[in-house]
């Protein structure tokens, strides 16, 4: 079963239209209802259930088509396993291979992609429930309305799954569960080594001034030494993905064309938000400081290699949890008047940016 009654060339656009419509309705609720209003809680329960099911079904049962770019590559690999291809034990993303081989043995390709969507979306639902409690719908809406959410559920599928499983690990209270989910995420997609290393580093040194200063320093370092960092990390890291760092630049929608000031502007949303909470409001929350510092580490790496091919793939290593960096304090603390109404504006601006990028910026 696939959703083949929707125009394939408008399929992605319909997703953004629906998410933005939900955002507008939710914005009205935040401006007209108290955070304790029973009607608001009923709205969030209904809309949260709708959004979860819609995202899973609409993303999970999309047709296999080249409009989703790498989805066809995943389909070819799935069909190769159906034909008897063995798991390549030398492949670095071994758990994803095993998952695909198992799926090819027992499932249709439609159910395989639906299962991929489940591993991508459901962890975000669990993380939202963990940190936002009764107001999980707000957090979940920010996740699924993020700038890169759709593309990493339909194109960069492995990376998207790994990022969600990493966040599932971050949300665990028990250390051994954190470790298990980090290992799973890394073996789904090795790039999760970067945010995992950043999160582990904050266990030993969690001073936000250090990480913030490092992030700032990476901007002039990248400007002054164009191409140096791409070559440095490309030679230092032994992985086939380093071709993105050292290969010839390809001028496509998400490829690098010089220093990406637009992407840096988007990245600054998380940086400025954390700066405001920690340095301006003096927020004392060890977990949030660790989360923010991890974001700075991952994003700083991307700044250094900002000119690389498809630099969004490196930016994703911080972008996938930007929603949590921005929204977490609003769910945990009361620090301003009319906080519910102001958070409504935050949601509208954050998802409105996604909508603007899709229909204005990239449509030009």
Protein backbone atom coordinates (compact mmCIF):
# COMPACT_ATOMS: atom_id res chain seq x y z
CA UNK A 1 0.00 0.00 0.00
CA UNK A 2 1.27 3.43 -0.93
CA UNK A 3 -0.35 6.84 -1.12
CA UNK A 4 -0.42 6.99 -4.91
CA UNK A 5 -3.47 9.22 -5.27
CA UNK A 6 -1.47 12.36 -4.42
CA UNK A 7 0.43 14.16 -7.18
CA UNK A 8 3.99 12.98 -6.61
CA UNK A 9 5.46 16.35 -7.55
CA UNK A 10 3.26 18.07 -4.96
CA UNK A 11 3.63 15.37 -2.32
CA UNK A 12 6.23 17.19 -0.24
CA UNK A 13 4.45 20.53 -0.59
CA UNK A 14 1.24 19.09 0.82
CA UNK A 15 3.16 17.97 3.90
CA UNK A 16 4.43 21.49 4.52
CA UNK A 17 0.98 22.98 3.92
CA UNK A 18 -0.59 20.69 6.50
CA UNK A 19 2.13 21.27 9.09
CA UNK A 20 1.84 25.01 8.65
CA UNK A 21 -1.96 24.84 8.92
CA UNK A 22 -1.64 22.90 12.19
CA UNK A 23 0.87 25.49 13.39
CA UNK A 24 -1.50 28.37 12.63
CA UNK A 25 -4.35 26.66 14.48
CA UNK A 26 -2.07 25.96 17.43
CA UNK A 27 -0.84 29.55 17.43
CA UNK A 28 -4.43 30.76 17.79
CA UNK A 29 -4.91 28.40 20.73
CA UNK A 30 -1.81 29.74 22.49
CA UNK A 31 -3.02 33.32 22.09
CA UNK A 32 -6.60 32.73 23.26
CA UNK A 33 -6.33 30.04 25.94
CA UNK A 34 -4.56 29.68 29.25
CA UNK A 35 -1.96 26.92 29.56
CA UNK A 36 -4.24 25.25 32.15
CA UNK A 37 -7.44 25.50 30.10
CA UNK A 38 -9.13 22.11 29.70
CA UNK A 39 -10.10 22.97 26.14
CA UNK A 40 -6.44 23.48 25.31
CA UNK A 41 -5.51 20.11 26.76
CA UNK A 42 -8.28 18.44 24.75
CA UNK A 43 -7.04 20.19 21.63
CA UNK A 44 -3.47 19.04 22.23
CA UNK A 45 -4.50 15.42 22.83
CA UNK A 46 -6.53 15.32 19.62
CA UNK A 47 -4.07 17.25 17.47
CA UNK A 48 -1.10 15.38 18.90
CA UNK A 49 -2.65 12.04 17.96
CA UNK A 50 -3.55 13.34 14.51
CA UNK A 51 -0.07 14.73 13.88
CA UNK A 52 1.66 11.52 14.98
CA UNK A 53 -0.54 9.31 12.78
CA UNK A 54 -0.45 11.70 9.84
CA UNK A 55 3.34 11.97 9.88
CA UNK A 56 3.84 8.21 10.18
CA UNK A 57 1.36 7.32 7.44
CA UNK A 58 2.08 10.15 4.99
CA UNK A 59 5.85 9.75 5.27
CA UNK A 60 5.90 5.98 5.72
CA UNK A 61 3.65 5.07 2.80
CA UNK A 62 4.91 7.56 0.21
CA UNK A 63 5.54 6.02 -3.21
CA UNK A 64 9.03 4.86 -4.12
CA UNK A 65 10.01 7.64 -6.51
CA UNK A 66 13.05 9.62 -7.59
CA UNK A 67 11.49 12.84 -6.32
CA UNK A 68 12.65 11.66 -2.88
CA UNK A 69 16.20 11.29 -4.26
CA UNK A 70 18.02 8.65 -2.16
CA UNK A 71 14.82 6.71 -1.51
CA UNK A 72 15.38 4.91 -4.82
CA UNK A 73 18.89 3.95 -3.69
CA UNK A 74 17.47 2.44 -0.51
CA UNK A 75 14.90 0.60 -2.63
CA UNK A 76 17.62 -0.92 -4.84
CA UNK A 77 19.53 -2.11 -1.79
CA UNK A 78 16.36 -3.61 -0.34
CA UNK A 79 15.67 -5.45 -3.59
CA UNK A 80 19.26 -6.69 -3.67
CA UNK A 81 18.72 -8.25 -0.24
CA UNK A 82 15.47 -9.78 -1.49
CA UNK A 83 17.49 -11.37 -4.31
CA UNK A 84 19.87 -12.92 -1.77
CA UNK A 85 22.62 -10.38 -1.26
CA UNK A 86 24.58 -11.02 1.95
CA UNK A 87 25.24 -8.47 4.67
CA UNK A 88 28.61 -6.78 4.17
CA UNK A 89 30.25 -7.18 7.56
CA UNK A 90 32.90 -4.64 6.65
CA UNK A 91 30.31 -1.89 6.23
CA UNK A 92 30.46 0.68 9.01
CA UNK A 93 26.69 1.03 9.32
CA UNK A 94 26.22 -2.64 10.15
CA UNK A 95 22.99 -2.35 12.14
CA UNK A 96 21.20 -0.63 9.29
CA UNK A 97 22.35 -3.38 6.95
CA UNK A 98 21.05 -6.06 9.32
CA UNK A 99 17.77 -4.17 9.69
CA UNK A 100 17.37 -3.94 5.90
CA UNK A 101 18.29 -7.60 5.39
CA UNK A 102 15.77 -8.68 8.04
CA UNK A 103 13.09 -6.47 6.50
CA UNK A 104 13.80 -7.83 3.00
CA UNK A 105 13.37 -11.36 4.33
CA UNK A 106 10.01 -10.79 5.97
CA UNK A 107 8.43 -7.55 4.74
CA UNK A 108 7.33 -5.85 1.56
CA UNK A 109 9.22 -2.74 0.47
CA UNK A 110 6.21 -0.60 1.49
CA UNK A 111 6.33 -1.93 5.04
CA UNK A 112 10.11 -1.50 5.08
CA UNK A 113 9.85 2.22 4.41
CA UNK A 114 7.00 2.51 6.89
CA UNK A 115 9.20 0.85 9.52
CA UNK A 116 11.99 3.31 8.67
CA UNK A 117 9.51 6.14 9.30
CA UNK A 118 8.54 4.57 12.63
CA UNK A 119 12.16 4.46 13.79
CA UNK A 120 12.49 8.09 12.72
CA UNK A 121 9.27 9.56 14.11
CA UNK A 122 8.34 7.52 17.18
CA UNK A 123 11.56 8.31 19.10
CA UNK A 124 10.76 12.02 18.61
CA UNK A 125 7.32 11.38 20.11
CA UNK A 126 8.93 9.60 23.09
CA UNK A 127 11.46 12.42 23.56
CA UNK A 128 8.65 14.99 23.42
CA UNK A 129 6.67 13.06 26.04
CA UNK A 130 9.76 12.86 28.24
CA UNK A 131 10.61 16.55 28.25
CA UNK A 132 7.26 18.24 27.62
CA UNK A 133 4.98 15.91 29.63
CA UNK A 134 1.31 16.84 29.07
CA UNK A 135 2.37 19.42 26.49
CA UNK A 136 4.30 16.95 24.33
CA UNK A 137 2.34 18.05 21.28
CA UNK A 138 4.19 21.37 21.27
CA UNK A 139 7.60 19.71 21.24
CA UNK A 140 6.55 17.16 18.65
CA UNK A 141 5.16 19.87 16.38
CA UNK A 142 8.50 21.67 16.49
CA UNK A 143 10.34 18.46 15.64
CA UNK A 144 8.19 17.56 12.62
CA UNK A 145 8.04 21.19 11.49
CA UNK A 146 11.81 21.64 11.55
CA UNK A 147 13.60 22.77 8.42
CA UNK A 148 15.28 19.42 7.70
CA UNK A 149 12.77 17.00 9.21
CA UNK A 150 11.02 15.95 5.99
CA UNK A 151 14.15 15.60 3.88
CA UNK A 152 15.82 13.33 6.44
CA UNK A 153 12.78 11.10 6.64
CA UNK A 154 12.46 10.70 2.87
CA UNK A 155 15.96 11.25 1.46
CA UNK A 156 18.71 10.92 4.09
CA UNK A 157 16.81 8.10 5.77
CA UNK A 158 19.65 6.41 7.66
CA UNK A 159 20.93 9.68 9.04
CA UNK A 160 17.44 10.68 10.15
CA UNK A 161 16.84 7.38 11.93
CA UNK A 162 20.21 7.58 13.66
CA UNK A 163 19.57 11.14 14.83
CA UNK A 164 16.23 10.22 16.38
CA UNK A 165 17.75 7.20 18.15
CA UNK A 166 20.55 9.43 19.46
CA UNK A 167 17.94 11.75 20.99
CA UNK A 168 16.21 8.71 22.47
CA UNK A 169 19.51 7.94 24.17
CA UNK A 170 19.89 11.51 25.41
CA UNK A 171 16.43 11.31 26.98
CA UNK A 172 17.27 8.25 29.09
CA UNK A 173 17.88 8.66 32.82
CA UNK A 174 19.92 5.48 33.21
CA UNK A 175 23.47 5.63 31.90
CA UNK A 176 23.49 2.11 30.49
CA UNK A 177 20.39 2.86 28.39
CA UNK A 178 22.03 6.00 27.07
CA UNK A 179 25.07 3.97 26.03
CA UNK A 180 22.96 1.31 24.32
CA UNK A 181 21.03 3.83 22.24
CA UNK A 182 24.19 5.76 21.35
CA UNK A 183 25.81 2.55 20.10
CA UNK A 184 22.70 1.70 18.09
CA UNK A 185 22.59 5.20 16.57
CA UNK A 186 26.29 5.12 15.62
CA UNK A 187 25.90 1.73 13.96
CA UNK A 188 22.91 2.98 12.00
CA UNK A 189 24.94 5.95 10.74
CA UNK A 190 28.53 6.60 11.78
CA UNK A 191 28.11 10.39 11.68
CA UNK A 192 26.39 10.13 15.08
CA UNK A 193 29.90 9.76 16.48
CA UNK A 194 30.17 13.56 16.41
CA UNK A 195 27.18 14.51 18.61
CA UNK A 196 27.86 11.46 20.79
CA UNK A 197 31.45 12.59 21.33
CA UNK A 198 30.20 16.10 22.10
CA UNK A 199 27.68 14.81 24.63
CA UNK A 200 30.30 12.62 26.31
CA UNK A 201 32.74 15.54 26.45
CA UNK A 202 30.17 17.58 28.40
CA UNK A 203 30.20 14.90 31.08
CA UNK A 204 33.77 15.93 31.90
CA UNK A 205 33.71 19.62 30.97
CA UNK A 206 30.38 21.40 30.85
CA UNK A 207 31.28 25.09 30.90
CA UNK A 208 29.12 26.84 28.28
CA UNK A 209 31.56 29.77 27.95
CA UNK A 210 34.19 27.36 26.61
CA UNK A 211 31.95 25.81 23.98
CA UNK A 212 30.37 29.12 23.00
CA UNK A 213 33.81 30.67 22.54
CA UNK A 214 34.90 27.67 20.46
CA UNK A 215 31.82 28.02 18.24
CA UNK A 216 32.51 31.72 17.68
CA UNK A 217 36.18 31.04 16.91
CA UNK A 218 35.28 28.53 14.21
CA UNK A 219 33.65 31.25 12.07
CA UNK A 220 36.86 33.27 11.41
CA UNK A 221 38.86 30.02 11.24
CA UNK A 222 36.62 28.84 8.43
CA UNK A 223 36.73 32.21 6.66
CA UNK A 224 40.50 32.58 6.94
CA UNK A 225 41.34 29.00 5.93
CA UNK A 226 38.92 28.08 3.13
CA UNK A 227 39.36 24.48 2.05
CA UNK A 228 41.91 23.66 4.75
CA UNK A 229 39.48 22.07 7.20
CA UNK A 230 37.72 20.04 4.52
CA UNK A 231 41.05 18.54 3.47
CA UNK A 232 42.23 18.11 7.05
CA UNK A 233 39.18 16.15 8.20
CA UNK A 234 38.95 14.35 4.87
CA UNK A 235 42.48 12.98 5.35
CA UNK A 236 42.06 12.40 9.06
CA UNK A 237 38.83 10.40 8.89
CA UNK A 238 38.81 7.09 7.04
CA UNK A 239 35.26 6.72 5.73
CA UNK A 240 33.68 6.77 2.26
CA UNK A 241 31.61 9.78 3.32
CA UNK A 242 34.71 11.96 3.34
CA UNK A 243 34.14 12.28 -0.41
CA UNK A 244 31.64 14.96 0.60
CA UNK A 245 34.56 16.87 2.13
CA UNK A 246 37.18 16.47 -0.56
CA UNK A 247 35.18 15.93 -3.75
CA UNK A 248 34.44 18.46 -6.43
CA UNK A 249 31.74 20.92 -5.43
CA UNK A 250 28.34 20.26 -7.02
CA UNK A 251 25.97 23.17 -7.30
CA UNK A 252 22.69 21.67 -6.19
CA UNK A 253 20.01 22.85 -3.80
CA UNK A 254 21.84 21.74 -0.67
CA UNK A 255 25.40 21.65 -1.90
CA UNK A 256 27.97 24.16 -0.86
CA UNK A 257 28.58 27.32 -2.86
CA UNK A 258 31.15 29.20 -0.81
CA UNK A 259 30.57 30.17 2.78
CA UNK A 260 26.92 29.44 3.57
CA UNK A 261 25.77 32.54 5.43
CA UNK A 262 22.15 31.41 5.05
CA UNK A 263 22.83 28.12 6.80
CA UNK A 264 24.88 29.91 9.46
CA UNK A 265 21.93 32.23 10.07
CA UNK A 266 19.65 29.24 10.58
CA UNK A 267 22.18 27.57 12.90
CA UNK A 268 22.31 30.73 14.99
CA UNK A 269 18.70 30.17 16.09
CA UNK A 270 19.85 27.43 18.45
CA UNK A 271 23.00 29.30 19.46
CA UNK A 272 21.19 32.52 20.33
CA UNK A 273 18.38 30.68 22.14
CA UNK A 274 20.82 28.81 24.38
CA UNK A 275 22.84 31.98 24.97
CA UNK A 276 19.69 33.76 26.10
CA UNK A 277 18.61 31.02 28.51
CA UNK A 278 22.03 30.29 30.00
CA UNK A 279 23.87 33.61 29.94
CA UNK A 280 21.00 36.11 30.09
CA UNK A 281 18.46 34.29 32.25
CA UNK A 282 21.14 32.41 34.24
CA UNK A 283 19.32 29.10 33.76
CA UNK A 284 20.77 26.45 36.05
CA UNK A 285 19.98 23.13 34.42
CA UNK A 286 22.88 20.74 33.95
CA UNK A 287 21.13 18.65 31.31
CA UNK A 288 20.17 21.65 29.22
CA UNK A 289 23.69 23.05 29.40
CA UNK A 290 25.01 19.67 28.19
CA UNK A 291 22.49 19.67 25.35
CA UNK A 292 23.44 23.21 24.34
CA UNK A 293 27.16 22.49 24.48
CA UNK A 294 26.66 19.37 22.35
CA UNK A 295 24.83 21.50 19.79
CA UNK A 296 27.73 23.98 19.73
CA UNK A 297 30.30 21.20 19.19
CA UNK A 298 28.39 19.60 16.33
CA UNK A 299 27.57 22.91 14.67
CA UNK A 300 31.14 24.19 15.04
CA UNK A 301 32.41 21.18 13.10
CA UNK A 302 30.00 21.99 10.29
CA UNK A 303 31.18 25.63 10.21
CA UNK A 304 34.74 24.45 9.68
CA UNK A 305 33.74 22.28 6.69
CA UNK A 306 31.00 24.62 5.48
CA UNK A 307 32.25 24.62 1.88
CA UNK A 308 32.02 20.85 1.54
CA UNK A 309 29.75 19.07 -0.90
CA UNK A 310 26.24 18.77 0.52
CA UNK A 311 27.26 20.64 3.66
CA UNK A 312 23.70 20.29 4.96
CA UNK A 313 24.61 16.67 5.77
CA UNK A 314 27.13 17.93 8.29
CA UNK A 315 24.86 20.73 9.48
CA UNK A 316 22.20 18.10 10.18
CA UNK A 317 24.39 16.73 12.98
CA UNK A 318 23.31 19.75 15.04
CA UNK A 319 20.12 20.82 13.28
CA UNK A 320 18.22 17.62 14.10
CA UNK A 321 17.94 18.60 17.78
CA UNK A 322 17.72 22.37 17.42
CA UNK A 323 13.99 22.22 18.26
CA UNK A 324 14.85 20.74 21.66
CA UNK A 325 17.55 23.36 22.29
CA UNK A 326 15.02 26.12 21.59
CA UNK A 327 11.95 24.69 23.32
CA UNK A 328 13.18 22.75 26.36
CA UNK A 329 13.35 25.69 28.82
CA UNK A 330 9.83 26.83 27.91
CA UNK A 331 8.48 23.46 28.99
CA UNK A 332 10.49 23.20 32.21
CA UNK A 333 10.58 26.71 33.66
CA UNK A 334 8.50 29.83 34.09
CA UNK A 335 10.67 32.85 33.33
CA UNK A 336 8.50 35.48 31.65
CA UNK A 337 5.03 36.99 31.70
CA UNK A 338 2.48 35.57 29.24
CA UNK A 339 4.87 32.70 28.62
CA UNK A 340 2.32 30.53 26.83
CA UNK A 341 1.47 33.31 24.39
CA UNK A 342 5.13 34.09 23.73
CA UNK A 343 5.92 30.43 23.13
CA UNK A 344 3.18 30.46 20.50
CA UNK A 345 5.14 33.14 18.66
CA UNK A 346 8.30 31.02 18.95
CA UNK A 347 6.53 28.07 17.33
CA UNK A 348 5.07 30.25 14.58
CA UNK A 349 8.44 31.82 13.79
CA UNK A 350 10.33 28.50 13.86
CA UNK A 351 7.94 26.60 11.59
CA UNK A 352 7.16 29.71 9.57
CA UNK A 353 10.86 29.82 8.68
CA UNK A 354 10.60 26.26 7.34
CA UNK A 355 7.57 27.24 5.28
CA UNK A 356 9.32 30.34 3.95
CA UNK A 357 12.39 28.35 2.93
CA UNK A 358 10.29 25.80 1.06
CA UNK A 359 7.98 28.13 -0.83
CA UNK A 360 9.90 31.39 -1.12
CA UNK A 361 13.67 31.01 -0.67
CA UNK A 362 14.17 27.80 -2.64
CA UNK A 363 11.38 28.58 -5.10
CA UNK A 364 13.31 31.54 -6.51
